[in-house]
Amino acid sequence: MNQLSFGKTSKGIDAHKYSIENKKGMKVVLTDMGCAVVEIWVKDAAGKYRDVALGYDDVQQYEKEGTYFGAIVGRYANRIAGAKFEIDGVEYILDANNNENNLHSGAKGLAREVWKVAEHSDHKIVFTHVAENDGYPGVANCQITYEVTEENALVISYLATADKKSPFNMTNHTYFNLDGHGSGPVTEQILRIHAETYTPSDATNIPTGEIATVSGTPMDFRKGTPIGVRINEPFTQLVQANGYDHNYVIDGEIGLLRKAAQAYSDSSGISMDVETTLPGMHFYTANFLDKGLKGKCNAVYGPRHAFCMETQFFPDAVNHPNFPSVTLQPGQTYDHTTVFSFTSIKE
């Protein structure tokens, strides 16, 4: 098994890195800390391999920084208003770690735990974690499978069960830069999102409850558009979030694997397609990365040096009955899949 030390956590727990790859040379490096993607190596149009995922060199940096680079976040990804929710008349209080709201389940979330490896082969790895005493009802058994296919795709499969009724919403929080993780802004990279509508947010990035059309706004990526061409327009949603930090309602039926987005870099020739069974995709342009942040191999990161495509249920859906339900009942299985597929012009 390809396993390397990744240092010790602040609690003295050993963390490790693992790699999976296909016969074509695509390789993904992961860590059991937060079940996170650390590296994604794909071939560019010139035949050179580039690492297109932002990350850190050791586990201490993953613990210290609040970027969620590559991590699995949950039980509830994204934001919950007022850091609280109610189920069957019982109120549950979470960390208020994002203004007065909860973001990515806070200090007790899945991104802050060291997961167990249940299976590891050349092309696949399965992580498991038991979530309890994390502010949510009962105990949840979580399983994440990462697989690199011969079609140069990274398939992420999410499975979970809970012994009590609980909101559930996991996602992967990889920051992508299709020119390579230390290549600067992604504003010229081309994006298409298969979404007619999105969920507008208030000044604290909590959805208003409205489902609005993208038509006639800078939120419209139905045709391939450079990420940065409208990012500084005086549109309230962009001004409030300092860029894109919004949930898109992906076209098509929830539960069916369907196209969510495509991204492309003319500089590297690398393109990435996203498919998912989930109802939404949160598009984030790394607006709040610190300037001069040091990542892997002393690479310098900064605002808008990457983008995230967080396939998930909608933010704050626990407080919006008109949004798709995020309640996981005892006896049910949370079962979703997201696929990131890579190609290049040369291929």
Protein backbone atom coordinates (compact mmCIF):
# COMPACT_ATOMS: atom_id res chain seq x y z
CA MET A 1 0.00 0.00 0.00
CA ASN A 2 1.36 3.41 -1.01
CA GLN A 3 1.24 5.15 2.36
CA LEU A 4 3.47 7.97 3.59
CA SER A 5 3.64 9.86 6.87
CA PHE A 6 1.97 13.26 6.83
CA GLY A 7 2.94 14.28 10.38
CA LYS A 8 1.06 14.31 13.68
CA THR A 9 -2.04 16.27 14.56
CA SER A 10 -2.20 18.58 17.57
CA LYS A 11 -3.74 15.64 19.46
CA GLY A 12 -0.77 13.43 18.62
CA ILE A 13 -2.61 11.34 16.03
CA ASP A 14 -0.52 10.09 13.11
CA ALA A 15 -1.75 11.31 9.74
CA HIS A 16 -0.84 9.78 6.40
CA LYS A 17 -0.90 10.39 2.66
CA TYR A 18 -2.12 7.83 0.13
CA SER A 19 -1.98 7.81 -3.66
CA ILE A 20 -4.27 6.29 -6.29
CA GLU A 21 -3.71 6.36 -10.04
CA ASN A 22 -4.65 4.88 -13.38
CA LYS A 23 -2.49 3.30 -16.09
CA LYS A 24 -2.48 6.54 -18.10
CA GLY A 25 -0.61 8.39 -15.34
CA MET A 26 -3.35 10.43 -13.70
CA LYS A 27 -2.60 10.42 -9.97
CA VAL A 28 -4.49 11.68 -6.92
CA VAL A 29 -2.87 12.05 -3.50
CA LEU A 30 -5.12 12.10 -0.43
CA THR A 31 -4.78 12.35 3.32
CA ASP A 32 -6.80 10.76 6.11
CA MET A 33 -6.89 14.19 7.79
CA GLY A 34 -10.30 15.47 6.71
CA CYS A 35 -10.42 12.78 4.03
CA ALA A 36 -8.87 15.47 1.84
CA VAL A 37 -7.55 15.64 -1.71
CA VAL A 38 -3.96 16.94 -1.54
CA GLU A 39 -2.81 16.62 -5.17
CA ILE A 40 -4.40 15.91 -8.58
CA TRP A 41 -1.88 15.24 -11.35
CA VAL A 42 -3.20 15.41 -14.92
CA LYS A 43 -1.53 15.86 -18.30
CA ASP A 44 -1.69 19.20 -20.11
CA ALA A 45 -1.82 19.78 -23.87
CA ALA A 46 1.98 19.60 -24.12
CA GLY A 47 2.09 16.24 -22.37
CA LYS A 48 3.41 17.67 -19.09
CA TYR A 49 1.82 16.69 -15.78
CA ARG A 50 0.41 19.48 -13.64
CA ASP A 51 -0.98 19.36 -10.10
CA VAL A 52 -4.29 21.21 -10.38
CA ALA A 53 -5.35 21.10 -6.69
CA LEU A 54 -4.30 23.59 -4.00
CA GLY A 55 -3.00 22.09 -0.78
CA TYR A 56 -0.43 21.98 2.02
CA ASP A 57 2.72 19.96 2.74
CA ASP A 58 1.80 18.60 6.18
CA VAL A 59 -1.10 17.90 8.49
CA GLN A 60 -0.29 20.79 10.84
CA GLN A 61 -1.10 23.31 8.11
CA TYR A 62 -4.43 21.60 7.41
CA GLU A 63 -5.31 21.90 11.10
CA LYS A 64 -4.15 25.50 11.39
CA GLU A 65 -5.73 27.04 8.31
CA GLY A 66 -9.46 27.47 7.75
CA THR A 67 -9.36 27.00 3.98
CA TYR A 68 -10.78 23.43 3.87
CA PHE A 69 -8.38 22.60 1.01
CA GLY A 70 -9.60 19.38 -0.59
CA ALA A 71 -11.52 18.25 2.49
CA ILE A 72 -14.77 16.39 2.92
CA VAL A 73 -16.98 18.80 4.83
CA GLY A 74 -20.12 17.94 6.82
CA ARG A 75 -22.22 16.65 8.42
CA TYR A 76 -23.61 19.81 6.91
CA ALA A 77 -21.56 21.52 4.22
CA ASN A 78 -21.88 25.25 3.67
CA ARG A 79 -23.80 27.59 6.00
CA ILE A 80 -26.58 27.28 8.56
CA ALA A 81 -28.13 30.58 9.66
CA GLY A 82 -27.67 31.52 13.29
CA ALA A 83 -25.66 28.33 13.82
CA LYS A 84 -28.76 26.43 14.88
CA PHE A 85 -31.58 24.29 13.56
CA GLU A 86 -34.63 22.53 14.93
CA ILE A 87 -35.86 18.95 14.46
CA ASP A 88 -39.14 17.75 15.97
CA GLY A 89 -39.21 20.68 18.39
CA VAL A 90 -35.64 20.18 19.64
CA GLU A 91 -33.11 22.94 18.95
CA TYR A 92 -29.51 22.04 18.14
CA ILE A 93 -26.72 24.60 18.58
CA LEU A 94 -23.59 24.55 16.38
CA ASP A 95 -20.36 26.55 16.30
CA ALA A 96 -20.91 30.16 15.19
CA ASN A 97 -17.66 30.12 13.20
CA ASN A 98 -18.69 32.38 10.32
CA ASN A 99 -19.99 35.66 11.69
CA GLU A 100 -23.07 34.46 13.62
CA ASN A 101 -23.58 31.49 11.31
CA ASN A 102 -22.19 27.97 11.10
CA LEU A 103 -19.88 27.16 8.19
CA HIS A 104 -19.01 23.57 7.20
CA SER A 105 -20.06 22.30 10.67
CA GLY A 106 -17.26 24.13 12.49
CA ALA A 107 -14.59 22.70 14.76
CA LYS A 108 -16.35 19.35 15.15
CA GLY A 109 -16.98 18.85 11.44
CA LEU A 110 -15.76 16.00 9.27
CA ALA A 111 -12.93 18.13 7.86
CA ARG A 112 -11.33 18.27 11.32
CA GLU A 113 -11.21 14.51 11.90
CA VAL A 114 -8.69 11.83 10.96
CA TRP A 115 -10.59 9.19 8.99
CA LYS A 116 -9.89 5.46 8.87
CA VAL A 117 -8.85 3.68 5.69
CA ALA A 118 -11.09 0.69 5.06
CA GLU A 119 -9.73 -0.25 1.64
CA HIS A 120 -6.85 0.87 -0.58
CA SER A 121 -5.82 -0.39 -4.02
CA ASP A 122 -3.83 1.14 -6.86
CA HIS A 123 -6.84 3.05 -8.17
CA LYS A 124 -9.28 3.28 -5.24
CA ILE A 125 -9.38 4.19 -1.57
CA VAL A 126 -12.26 3.99 0.91
CA PHE A 127 -12.33 6.19 4.04
CA THR A 128 -14.75 5.77 6.95
CA HIS A 129 -15.64 7.86 9.99
CA VAL A 130 -18.18 7.66 12.80
CA ALA A 131 -19.59 11.12 13.53
CA GLU A 132 -20.89 11.60 17.08
CA ASN A 133 -20.92 14.32 19.73
CA ASP A 134 -20.60 16.83 16.90
CA GLY A 135 -23.67 18.94 17.64
CA TYR A 136 -25.99 16.90 15.42
CA PRO A 137 -28.55 14.29 16.52
CA GLY A 138 -27.31 10.77 17.19
CA VAL A 139 -24.50 8.92 15.45
CA ALA A 140 -23.74 8.93 11.73
CA ASN A 141 -21.61 6.38 9.87
CA CYS A 142 -19.87 8.03 6.92
CA GLN A 143 -18.02 6.46 4.01
CA ILE A 144 -16.18 8.23 1.19
CA THR A 145 -14.74 6.39 -1.81
CA TYR A 146 -12.26 8.02 -4.17
CA GLU A 147 -11.56 6.21 -7.43
CA VAL A 148 -9.39 7.14 -10.43
CA THR A 149 -10.79 5.57 -13.60
CA GLU A 150 -9.07 4.77 -16.89
CA GLU A 151 -11.12 7.61 -18.42
CA ASN A 152 -9.09 10.11 -16.33
CA ALA A 153 -11.94 10.75 -13.92
CA LEU A 154 -11.91 11.16 -10.16
CA VAL A 155 -15.12 9.61 -8.86
CA ILE A 156 -16.21 10.58 -5.34
CA SER A 157 -18.92 8.39 -3.80
CA TYR A 158 -20.66 9.49 -0.60
CA LEU A 159 -22.49 7.05 1.70
CA ALA A 160 -23.92 7.69 5.16
CA THR A 161 -26.51 6.40 7.62
CA ALA A 162 -27.70 7.88 10.91
CA ASP A 163 -29.48 6.40 13.92
CA LYS A 164 -31.54 9.56 14.49
CA LYS A 165 -33.21 12.02 12.16
CA SER A 166 -30.47 14.45 11.14
CA PRO A 167 -29.68 17.04 8.46
CA PHE A 168 -27.00 15.65 6.17
CA ASN A 169 -25.05 17.29 3.38
CA MET A 170 -21.47 16.30 2.53
CA THR A 171 -19.27 17.77 -0.19
CA ASN A 172 -15.67 17.87 -1.33
CA HIS A 173 -13.93 21.25 -1.05
CA THR A 174 -11.06 20.96 -3.55
CA TYR A 175 -9.69 24.26 -4.86
CA PHE A 176 -8.89 23.85 -8.57
CA ASN A 177 -6.51 25.77 -10.81
CA LEU A 178 -6.27 24.19 -14.27
CA ASP A 179 -2.92 25.88 -14.93
CA GLY A 180 -1.41 24.27 -11.84
CA HIS A 181 -1.84 24.97 -8.14
CA GLY A 182 0.72 27.79 -7.94
CA SER A 183 -0.12 29.53 -11.21
CA GLY A 184 -1.92 32.62 -9.97
CA PRO A 185 -5.42 33.89 -10.81
CA VAL A 186 -8.01 31.70 -12.53
CA THR A 187 -10.00 34.65 -13.85
CA GLU A 188 -9.20 33.87 -17.51
CA GLN A 189 -10.19 30.22 -17.26
CA ILE A 190 -13.48 29.39 -18.98
CA LEU A 191 -16.51 28.12 -17.07
CA ARG A 192 -19.90 26.75 -18.02
CA ILE A 193 -22.54 25.85 -15.42
CA HIS A 194 -25.64 23.84 -16.29
CA ALA A 195 -28.03 25.91 -14.20
CA GLU A 196 -30.95 28.15 -15.13
CA THR A 197 -31.32 29.35 -11.54
CA TYR A 198 -29.38 30.00 -8.33
CA THR A 199 -30.13 30.84 -4.70
CA PRO A 200 -29.36 34.52 -3.91
CA SER A 201 -27.83 35.27 -0.52
CA ASP A 202 -27.90 38.06 2.02
CA ALA A 203 -24.85 40.01 3.20
CA THR A 204 -23.74 37.08 5.40
CA ASN A 205 -23.99 34.54 2.54
CA ILE A 206 -27.18 32.98 3.90
CA PRO A 207 -29.79 32.22 1.19
CA THR A 208 -32.79 34.52 1.17
CA GLY A 209 -35.01 31.57 0.20
CA GLU A 210 -35.54 32.84 -3.32
CA ILE A 211 -34.67 30.71 -6.34
CA ALA A 212 -33.78 33.26 -9.01
CA THR A 213 -33.03 33.11 -12.71
CA VAL A 214 -29.44 33.67 -13.84
CA SER A 215 -30.70 35.26 -17.06
CA GLY A 216 -29.58 38.84 -17.57
CA THR A 217 -27.17 38.76 -14.60
CA PRO A 218 -23.43 38.17 -14.09
CA MET A 219 -24.43 34.85 -12.49
CA ASP A 220 -25.17 33.39 -15.93
CA PHE A 221 -22.60 30.78 -16.99
CA ARG A 222 -24.90 28.80 -19.27
CA LYS A 223 -22.44 29.51 -22.07
CA GLY A 224 -18.68 29.21 -21.62
CA THR A 225 -17.47 32.47 -20.06
CA PRO A 226 -14.17 33.59 -18.50
CA ILE A 227 -14.55 33.39 -14.72
CA GLY A 228 -13.35 36.94 -14.16
CA VAL A 229 -14.98 38.82 -17.02
CA ARG A 230 -17.93 40.00 -14.84
CA ILE A 231 -16.66 39.28 -11.35
CA ASN A 232 -16.15 42.95 -10.46
CA GLU A 233 -19.47 44.23 -11.77
CA PRO A 234 -21.57 46.29 -9.31
CA PHE A 235 -24.08 43.47 -8.92
CA THR A 236 -25.21 43.15 -5.29
CA GLN A 237 -24.60 39.40 -5.06
CA LEU A 238 -21.01 39.77 -6.27
CA VAL A 239 -20.27 42.85 -4.17
CA GLN A 240 -21.51 41.18 -0.96
CA ALA A 241 -19.41 38.04 -1.51
CA ASN A 242 -16.38 39.79 -3.05
CA GLY A 243 -16.85 37.55 -6.08
CA TYR A 244 -18.64 34.27 -6.72
CA ASP A 245 -19.66 32.36 -3.60
CA HIS A 246 -23.07 31.06 -4.65
CA ASN A 247 -25.17 27.94 -4.93
CA TYR A 248 -26.40 27.02 -8.40
CA VAL A 249 -29.49 24.84 -8.93
CA ILE A 250 -28.21 22.20 -11.32
CA ASP A 251 -30.55 21.37 -14.19
CA GLY A 252 -32.10 17.92 -14.19
CA GLU A 253 -33.41 15.39 -11.71
CA ILE A 254 -31.89 15.00 -8.24
CA GLY A 255 -30.41 11.54 -7.83
CA LEU A 256 -29.46 11.11 -11.48
CA LEU A 257 -25.83 11.57 -12.52
CA ARG A 258 -25.89 14.56 -14.87
CA LYS A 259 -23.67 17.36 -16.13
CA ALA A 260 -23.14 20.19 -13.68
CA ALA A 261 -20.25 22.22 -15.13
CA GLN A 262 -17.23 22.38 -17.40
CA ALA A 263 -14.05 24.39 -16.87
CA TYR A 264 -11.20 24.92 -19.32
CA SER A 265 -7.83 26.65 -19.42
CA ASP A 266 -6.61 27.86 -22.79
CA SER A 267 -3.12 28.21 -21.30
CA SER A 268 -2.68 24.59 -20.18
CA GLY A 269 -5.21 22.97 -22.49
CA ILE A 270 -6.70 21.13 -19.52
CA SER A 271 -10.46 20.83 -19.27
CA MET A 272 -12.54 19.45 -16.41
CA ASP A 273 -16.12 18.21 -16.57
CA VAL A 274 -18.25 17.89 -13.44
CA GLU A 275 -21.17 15.47 -13.08
CA THR A 276 -23.24 14.92 -9.96
CA THR A 277 -26.37 13.34 -8.53
CA LEU A 278 -26.77 16.24 -6.08
CA PRO A 279 -29.19 19.16 -6.55
CA GLY A 280 -26.75 22.05 -6.27
CA MET A 281 -23.21 23.19 -6.89
CA HIS A 282 -21.62 25.96 -4.87
CA PHE A 283 -19.25 27.92 -7.09
CA TYR A 284 -16.57 29.77 -5.10
CA THR A 285 -13.71 31.85 -6.50
CA ALA A 286 -11.43 31.68 -3.44
CA ASN A 287 -12.30 35.27 -2.59
CA PHE A 288 -11.06 35.05 0.98
CA LEU A 289 -7.71 33.27 0.63
CA ASP A 290 -5.05 35.34 2.35
CA LYS A 291 -2.70 37.19 0.01
CA GLY A 292 0.68 35.49 0.02
CA LEU A 293 -0.63 32.28 1.58
CA LYS A 294 2.07 29.59 1.34
CA GLY A 295 0.92 26.23 0.04
CA LYS A 296 2.63 23.09 -1.22
CA CYS A 297 6.26 23.39 -2.29
CA ASN A 298 6.28 27.07 -1.21
CA ALA A 299 3.70 27.95 -3.84
CA VAL A 300 2.03 31.29 -3.21
CA TYR A 301 -1.76 31.40 -3.21
CA GLY A 302 -4.09 34.36 -3.02
CA PRO A 303 -7.65 35.51 -3.67
CA ARG A 304 -9.10 34.17 -6.93
CA HIS A 305 -6.12 31.85 -7.46
CA ALA A 306 -8.53 28.88 -7.60
CA PHE A 307 -12.17 27.94 -7.86
CA CYS A 308 -14.27 25.40 -5.99
CA MET A 309 -17.16 23.37 -7.39
CA GLU A 310 -18.83 22.06 -4.25
CA THR A 311 -21.63 19.72 -5.34
CA GLN A 312 -24.14 19.57 -2.50
CA PHE A 313 -27.62 20.26 -1.17
CA PHE A 314 -28.48 23.93 -0.78
CA PRO A 315 -27.00 26.12 1.97
CA ASP A 316 -29.23 26.55 5.04
CA ALA A 317 -31.82 24.15 3.63
CA VAL A 318 -32.70 23.16 7.22
CA ASN A 319 -34.33 26.59 7.52
CA HIS A 320 -35.95 26.76 4.06
CA PRO A 321 -38.82 24.30 3.52
CA ASN A 322 -38.97 25.19 -0.19
CA PHE A 323 -35.44 23.81 -0.74
CA PRO A 324 -34.84 20.08 -1.38
CA SER A 325 -34.97 18.21 1.93
CA VAL A 326 -31.67 17.47 3.68
CA THR A 327 -33.18 15.28 6.39
CA LEU A 328 -31.63 11.83 6.65
CA GLN A 329 -34.02 9.44 8.38
CA PRO A 330 -32.98 6.32 10.34
CA GLY A 331 -33.06 3.42 7.91
CA GLN A 332 -32.29 5.66 4.92
CA THR A 333 -28.93 5.87 3.15
CA TYR A 334 -27.34 9.11 1.99
CA ASP A 335 -25.97 7.96 -1.38
CA HIS A 336 -24.55 10.46 -3.87
CA THR A 337 -21.81 10.64 -6.48
CA THR A 338 -19.74 13.39 -8.07
CA VAL A 339 -17.33 12.88 -10.97
CA PHE A 340 -14.49 15.21 -12.02
CA SER A 341 -13.25 14.20 -15.51
CA PHE A 342 -10.08 15.60 -17.08
CA THR A 343 -9.02 15.87 -20.72
CA SER A 344 -6.51 17.91 -22.70
CA ILE A 345 -6.32 19.09 -26.29
CA LYS A 346 -3.54 16.64 -27.08
CA GLU A 347 -5.65 13.72 -25.90
